[in-house]
Amino acid sequence: KAADTLDDIGRDVVVWSADDQPDGDGVLLLSSERMDAALMDALERTLAKKPRPLICANPDLVAPRETGLSCEPGFYTHALADRLGITPQFFGKPFDNAFEAAADCLAGIPSDRIAMVGDTLHTDVLGGAAAGMRTVLIERHGLFKGFDVDKFIAASGIRPDYICPTT
């Protein structure tokens, strides 16, 4: 599979590493695949030295993997915001821009006739509900696989309209 060149965003894109942080107009976090403590430290030092926009295009905090939960770009973006006192831009669930984009594709359908189907309470259900959509929580794969979702619903207070075993 060919790597995404990111040509469609209309800006020059350079990849950072812990050893090399080329100057740029902003920082875009898309993935946490290469993130480690050294890269996180480099990001923090660079943004502290020269503030610039921090954009997170994958605001998930964690994701279920075969070996457990992984920290995702949203986790690192929130950590940088807390440490540096900056306000990043987020694009994706649970932020309204993701749901507005979906609703735009379904023009003419009232939002309460659209269902957000997903496996997390804090992104899928919370974001869908805030957008006025119905929500469906999937419980047998993803984040809640092997767990009793009712306990998490009670603890969080985030309640889906429907719970289904799978899609």
C-alpha atoms as a PDB file:
ATOM      1  CA  LYS A   1       0.000   0.000   0.000  1.00  0.00           C
ATOM      2  CA  ALA A   2       1.402   3.388  -0.975  1.00  0.00           C
ATOM      3  CA  ALA A   3       1.929   5.962   1.751  1.00  0.00           C
ATOM      4  CA  ASP A   4      -0.312   9.030   1.756  1.00  0.00           C
ATOM      5  CA  THR A   5       1.703  11.977   0.460  1.00  0.00           C
ATOM      6  CA  LEU A   6      -0.780  14.498   1.912  1.00  0.00           C
ATOM      7  CA  ASP A   7      -0.675  16.423  -1.381  1.00  0.00           C
ATOM      8  CA  ASP A   8      -4.399  17.171  -1.067  1.00  0.00           C
ATOM      9  CA  ILE A   9      -4.012  19.521   1.902  1.00  0.00           C
ATOM     10  CA  GLY A  10      -2.394  22.184  -0.253  1.00  0.00           C
ATOM     11  CA  ARG A  11       0.607  22.840   1.999  1.00  0.00           C
ATOM     12  CA  ASP A  12       4.176  21.599   2.137  1.00  0.00           C
ATOM     13  CA  VAL A  13       4.345  18.746   4.637  1.00  0.00           C
ATOM     14  CA  VAL A  14       7.506  17.623   6.395  1.00  0.00           C
ATOM     15  CA  VAL A  15       7.823  14.718   8.791  1.00  0.00           C
ATOM     16  CA  TRP A  16       9.348  15.394  12.166  1.00  0.00           C
ATOM     17  CA  SER A  17      11.470  13.087  14.244  1.00  0.00           C
ATOM     18  CA  ALA A  18      12.988  13.392  17.694  1.00  0.00           C
ATOM     19  CA  ASP A  19      16.276  14.261  16.001  1.00  0.00           C
ATOM     20  CA  ASP A  20      15.015  16.587  13.255  1.00  0.00           C
ATOM     21  CA  GLN A  21      12.274  19.223  13.589  1.00  0.00           C
ATOM     22  CA  PRO A  22      12.264  21.361  10.446  1.00  0.00           C
ATOM     23  CA  ASP A  23      10.766  24.815  10.886  1.00  0.00           C
ATOM     24  CA  GLY A  24       7.155  25.154   9.813  1.00  0.00           C
ATOM     25  CA  ASP A  25       4.018  27.225  10.144  1.00  0.00           C
ATOM     26  CA  GLY A  26       2.209  24.671  12.293  1.00  0.00           C
ATOM     27  CA  VAL A  27       2.104  21.136  13.619  1.00  0.00           C
ATOM     28  CA  LEU A  28      -0.398  18.542  12.389  1.00  0.00           C
ATOM     29  CA  LEU A  29      -0.913  15.316  14.348  1.00  0.00           C
ATOM     30  CA  LEU A  30      -2.522  12.575  12.258  1.00  0.00           C
ATOM     31  CA  SER A  31      -1.192   9.397  13.821  1.00  0.00           C
ATOM     32  CA  SER A  32       0.627   8.245  16.922  1.00  0.00           C
ATOM     33  CA  GLU A  33       2.369   5.338  15.194  1.00  0.00           C
ATOM     34  CA  ARG A  34       5.819   6.914  15.564  1.00  0.00           C
ATOM     35  CA  MET A  35       5.160   8.833  18.789  1.00  0.00           C
ATOM     36  CA  ASP A  36       7.455   8.142  21.702  1.00  0.00           C
ATOM     37  CA  ALA A  37       8.772  10.113  24.682  1.00  0.00           C
ATOM     38  CA  ALA A  38      11.638  11.637  22.679  1.00  0.00           C
ATOM     39  CA  LEU A  39       9.345  12.919  19.914  1.00  0.00           C
ATOM     40  CA  MET A  40       6.848  14.234  22.460  1.00  0.00           C
ATOM     41  CA  ASP A  41       9.660  16.116  24.242  1.00  0.00           C
ATOM     42  CA  ALA A  42      10.846  17.558  20.907  1.00  0.00           C
ATOM     43  CA  LEU A  43       7.308  18.712  20.073  1.00  0.00           C
ATOM     44  CA  GLU A  44       6.926  20.352  23.470  1.00  0.00           C
ATOM     45  CA  ARG A  45      10.301  22.136  23.271  1.00  0.00           C
ATOM     46  CA  THR A  46       9.663  23.341  19.728  1.00  0.00           C
ATOM     47  CA  LEU A  47       6.153  24.640  20.438  1.00  0.00           C
ATOM     48  CA  ALA A  48       7.341  26.330  23.646  1.00  0.00           C
ATOM     49  CA  LYS A  49      10.205  28.031  21.799  1.00  0.00           C
ATOM     50  CA  LYS A  50       8.105  29.118  18.814  1.00  0.00           C
ATOM     51  CA  PRO A  51       4.321  28.971  19.335  1.00  0.00           C
ATOM     52  CA  ARG A  52       2.381  28.021  16.221  1.00  0.00           C
ATOM     53  CA  PRO A  53      -0.929  26.294  15.427  1.00  0.00           C
ATOM     54  CA  LEU A  54      -1.304  22.744  16.707  1.00  0.00           C
ATOM     55  CA  ILE A  55      -3.872  20.789  14.712  1.00  0.00           C
ATOM     56  CA  CYS A  56      -5.090  17.330  15.663  1.00  0.00           C
ATOM     57  CA  ALA A  57      -6.873  15.477  12.871  1.00  0.00           C
ATOM     58  CA  ASN A  58      -7.450  12.357  14.967  1.00  0.00           C
ATOM     59  CA  PRO A  59      -8.742  13.416  18.388  1.00  0.00           C
ATOM     60  CA  ASP A  60      -9.097   9.872  19.755  1.00  0.00           C
ATOM     61  CA  LEU A  61      -7.453   9.543  23.170  1.00  0.00           C
ATOM     62  CA  VAL A  62      -6.994   5.774  22.988  1.00  0.00           C
ATOM     63  CA  ALA A  63      -7.682   2.937  20.570  1.00  0.00           C
ATOM     64  CA  PRO A  64      -8.093  -0.776  21.218  1.00  0.00           C
ATOM     65  CA  ARG A  65      -5.236  -2.864  19.844  1.00  0.00           C
ATOM     66  CA  GLU A  66      -4.401  -6.549  20.094  1.00  0.00           C
ATOM     67  CA  THR A  67      -2.014  -5.801  22.964  1.00  0.00           C
ATOM     68  CA  GLY A  68      -4.275  -3.341  24.801  1.00  0.00           C
ATOM     69  CA  LEU A  69      -5.093   0.335  24.478  1.00  0.00           C
ATOM     70  CA  SER A  70      -2.782   2.625  22.550  1.00  0.00           C
ATOM     71  CA  CYS A  71      -2.431   6.358  23.147  1.00  0.00           C
ATOM     72  CA  GLU A  72      -3.658   8.255  20.095  1.00  0.00           C
ATOM     73  CA  PRO A  73      -3.066  11.792  18.726  1.00  0.00           C
ATOM     74  CA  GLY A  74      -5.805  13.341  20.879  1.00  0.00           C
ATOM     75  CA  PHE A  75      -4.018  12.138  24.007  1.00  0.00           C
ATOM     76  CA  TYR A  76      -0.759  13.787  22.966  1.00  0.00           C
ATOM     77  CA  THR A  77      -2.477  16.956  21.760  1.00  0.00           C
ATOM     78  CA  HIS A  78      -4.303  17.408  25.077  1.00  0.00           C
ATOM     79  CA  ALA A  79      -1.041  16.791  26.951  1.00  0.00           C
ATOM     80  CA  LEU A  80       0.730  19.483  24.900  1.00  0.00           C
ATOM     81  CA  ALA A  81      -2.172  21.893  25.435  1.00  0.00           C
ATOM     82  CA  ASP A  82      -2.083  21.321  29.195  1.00  0.00           C
ATOM     83  CA  ARG A  83       1.697  21.665  29.452  1.00  0.00           C
ATOM     84  CA  LEU A  84       1.996  24.722  27.208  1.00  0.00           C
ATOM     85  CA  GLY A  85      -1.301  26.526  27.839  1.00  0.00           C
ATOM     86  CA  ILE A  86      -2.175  26.501  24.131  1.00  0.00           C
ATOM     87  CA  THR A  87      -5.487  25.941  22.371  1.00  0.00           C
ATOM     88  CA  PRO A  88      -5.188  23.331  19.621  1.00  0.00           C
ATOM     89  CA  GLN A  89      -7.664  22.819  16.817  1.00  0.00           C
ATOM     90  CA  PHE A  90      -9.360  19.418  16.695  1.00  0.00           C
ATOM     91  CA  PHE A  91     -10.950  17.843  13.635  1.00  0.00           C
ATOM     92  CA  GLY A  92     -12.927  14.631  14.068  1.00  0.00           C
ATOM     93  CA  LYS A  93     -15.213  12.971  16.593  1.00  0.00           C
ATOM     94  CA  PRO A  94     -16.478  14.139  19.076  1.00  0.00           C
ATOM     95  CA  PHE A  95     -16.017  17.664  17.692  1.00  0.00           C
ATOM     96  CA  ASP A  96     -18.877  19.185  15.758  1.00  0.00           C
ATOM     97  CA  ASN A  97     -16.952  19.555  12.504  1.00  0.00           C
ATOM     98  CA  ALA A  98     -17.011  15.772  11.962  1.00  0.00           C
ATOM     99  CA  PHE A  99     -20.766  15.574  12.446  1.00  0.00           C
ATOM    100  CA  GLU A 100     -21.420  18.673  10.337  1.00  0.00           C
ATOM    101  CA  ALA A 101     -19.479  17.049   7.471  1.00  0.00           C
ATOM    102  CA  ALA A 102     -21.593  13.889   7.781  1.00  0.00           C
ATOM    103  CA  ALA A 103     -24.838  15.858   7.945  1.00  0.00           C
ATOM    104  CA  ASP A 104     -23.808  17.863   4.870  1.00  0.00           C
ATOM    105  CA  CYS A 105     -23.530  14.580   2.960  1.00  0.00           C
ATOM    106  CA  LEU A 106     -27.084  13.759   4.065  1.00  0.00           C
ATOM    107  CA  ALA A 107     -28.584  17.140   3.195  1.00  0.00           C
ATOM    108  CA  GLY A 108     -32.318  17.340   3.724  1.00  0.00           C
ATOM    109  CA  ILE A 109     -32.469  14.576   6.343  1.00  0.00           C
ATOM    110  CA  PRO A 110     -33.274  15.913   9.815  1.00  0.00           C
ATOM    111  CA  SER A 111     -30.440  15.225  12.276  1.00  0.00           C
ATOM    112  CA  ASP A 112     -32.729  13.229  14.571  1.00  0.00           C
ATOM    113  CA  ARG A 113     -33.250  10.782  11.664  1.00  0.00           C
ATOM    114  CA  ILE A 114     -29.478  10.170  11.377  1.00  0.00           C
ATOM    115  CA  ALA A 115     -27.735   7.635  13.631  1.00  0.00           C
ATOM    116  CA  MET A 116     -24.137   7.774  14.756  1.00  0.00           C
ATOM    117  CA  VAL A 117     -23.004   4.167  15.133  1.00  0.00           C
ATOM    118  CA  GLY A 118     -19.786   3.572  17.035  1.00  0.00           C
ATOM    119  CA  ASP A 119     -17.950   1.748  19.787  1.00  0.00           C
ATOM    120  CA  THR A 120     -17.101   4.580  22.192  1.00  0.00           C
ATOM    121  CA  LEU A 121     -19.150   6.670  24.568  1.00  0.00           C
ATOM    122  CA  HIS A 122     -16.810   9.677  24.697  1.00  0.00           C
ATOM    123  CA  THR A 123     -16.429  10.206  20.937  1.00  0.00           C
ATOM    124  CA  ASP A 124     -19.163   8.419  19.020  1.00  0.00           C
ATOM    125  CA  VAL A 125     -22.133   8.646  21.393  1.00  0.00           C
ATOM    126  CA  LEU A 126     -21.313  11.991  23.021  1.00  0.00           C
ATOM    127  CA  GLY A 127     -20.495  13.668  19.708  1.00  0.00           C
ATOM    128  CA  GLY A 128     -23.498  12.229  17.891  1.00  0.00           C
ATOM    129  CA  ALA A 129     -25.872  13.259  20.662  1.00  0.00           C
ATOM    130  CA  ALA A 130     -24.419  16.785  20.774  1.00  0.00           C
ATOM    131  CA  ALA A 131     -25.062  17.013  17.016  1.00  0.00           C
ATOM    132  CA  GLY A 132     -28.718  16.070  17.572  1.00  0.00           C
ATOM    133  CA  MET A 133     -28.320  12.599  16.074  1.00  0.00           C
ATOM    134  CA  ARG A 134     -29.542   9.290  17.411  1.00  0.00           C
ATOM    135  CA  THR A 135     -26.743   7.136  18.799  1.00  0.00           C
ATOM    136  CA  VAL A 136     -26.015   3.419  18.622  1.00  0.00           C
ATOM    137  CA  LEU A 137     -23.276   1.898  20.790  1.00  0.00           C
ATOM    138  CA  ILE A 138     -21.666  -1.296  19.512  1.00  0.00           C
ATOM    139  CA  GLU A 139     -20.621  -3.472  22.426  1.00  0.00           C
ATOM    140  CA  ARG A 140     -18.941  -6.644  21.092  1.00  0.00           C
ATOM    141  CA  HIS A 141     -15.949  -5.133  19.331  1.00  0.00           C
ATOM    142  CA  GLY A 142     -13.725  -2.136  19.730  1.00  0.00           C
ATOM    143  CA  LEU A 143     -13.351  -0.414  23.053  1.00  0.00           C
ATOM    144  CA  PHE A 144     -15.980  -2.389  24.968  1.00  0.00           C
ATOM    145  CA  LYS A 145     -15.216  -5.871  23.655  1.00  0.00           C
ATOM    146  CA  GLY A 146     -15.413  -8.235  26.626  1.00  0.00           C
ATOM    147  CA  PHE A 147     -16.771  -5.615  29.048  1.00  0.00           C
ATOM    148  CA  ASP A 148     -20.170  -4.828  30.543  1.00  0.00           C
ATOM    149  CA  VAL A 149     -21.109  -1.539  28.841  1.00  0.00           C
ATOM    150  CA  ASP A 150     -23.805  -0.784  31.426  1.00  0.00           C
ATOM    151  CA  LYS A 151     -21.144  -0.097  34.078  1.00  0.00           C
ATOM    152  CA  PHE A 152     -19.396   2.414  31.816  1.00  0.00           C
ATOM    153  CA  ILE A 153     -22.674   4.079  30.871  1.00  0.00           C
ATOM    154  CA  ALA A 154     -23.610   4.441  34.542  1.00  0.00           C
ATOM    155  CA  ALA A 155     -20.168   5.788  35.491  1.00  0.00           C
ATOM    156  CA  SER A 156     -19.960   8.292  32.631  1.00  0.00           C
ATOM    157  CA  GLY A 157     -23.595   9.348  32.417  1.00  0.00           C
ATOM    158  CA  ILE A 158     -23.295   9.124  28.627  1.00  0.00           C
ATOM    159  CA  ARG A 159     -26.280   7.135  27.384  1.00  0.00           C
ATOM    160  CA  PRO A 160     -26.726   5.906  23.835  1.00  0.00           C
ATOM    161  CA  ASP A 161     -30.194   5.670  22.334  1.00  0.00           C
ATOM    162  CA  TYR A 162     -29.549   2.043  21.404  1.00  0.00           C
ATOM    163  CA  ILE A 163     -27.016  -0.682  22.211  1.00  0.00           C
ATOM    164  CA  CYS A 164     -26.302  -3.379  19.636  1.00  0.00           C
ATOM    165  CA  PRO A 165     -23.966  -6.339  19.862  1.00  0.00           C
ATOM    166  CA  THR A 166     -22.347  -5.637  16.482  1.00  0.00           C
ATOM    167  CA  THR A 167     -22.878  -3.771  13.235  1.00  0.00           C
END
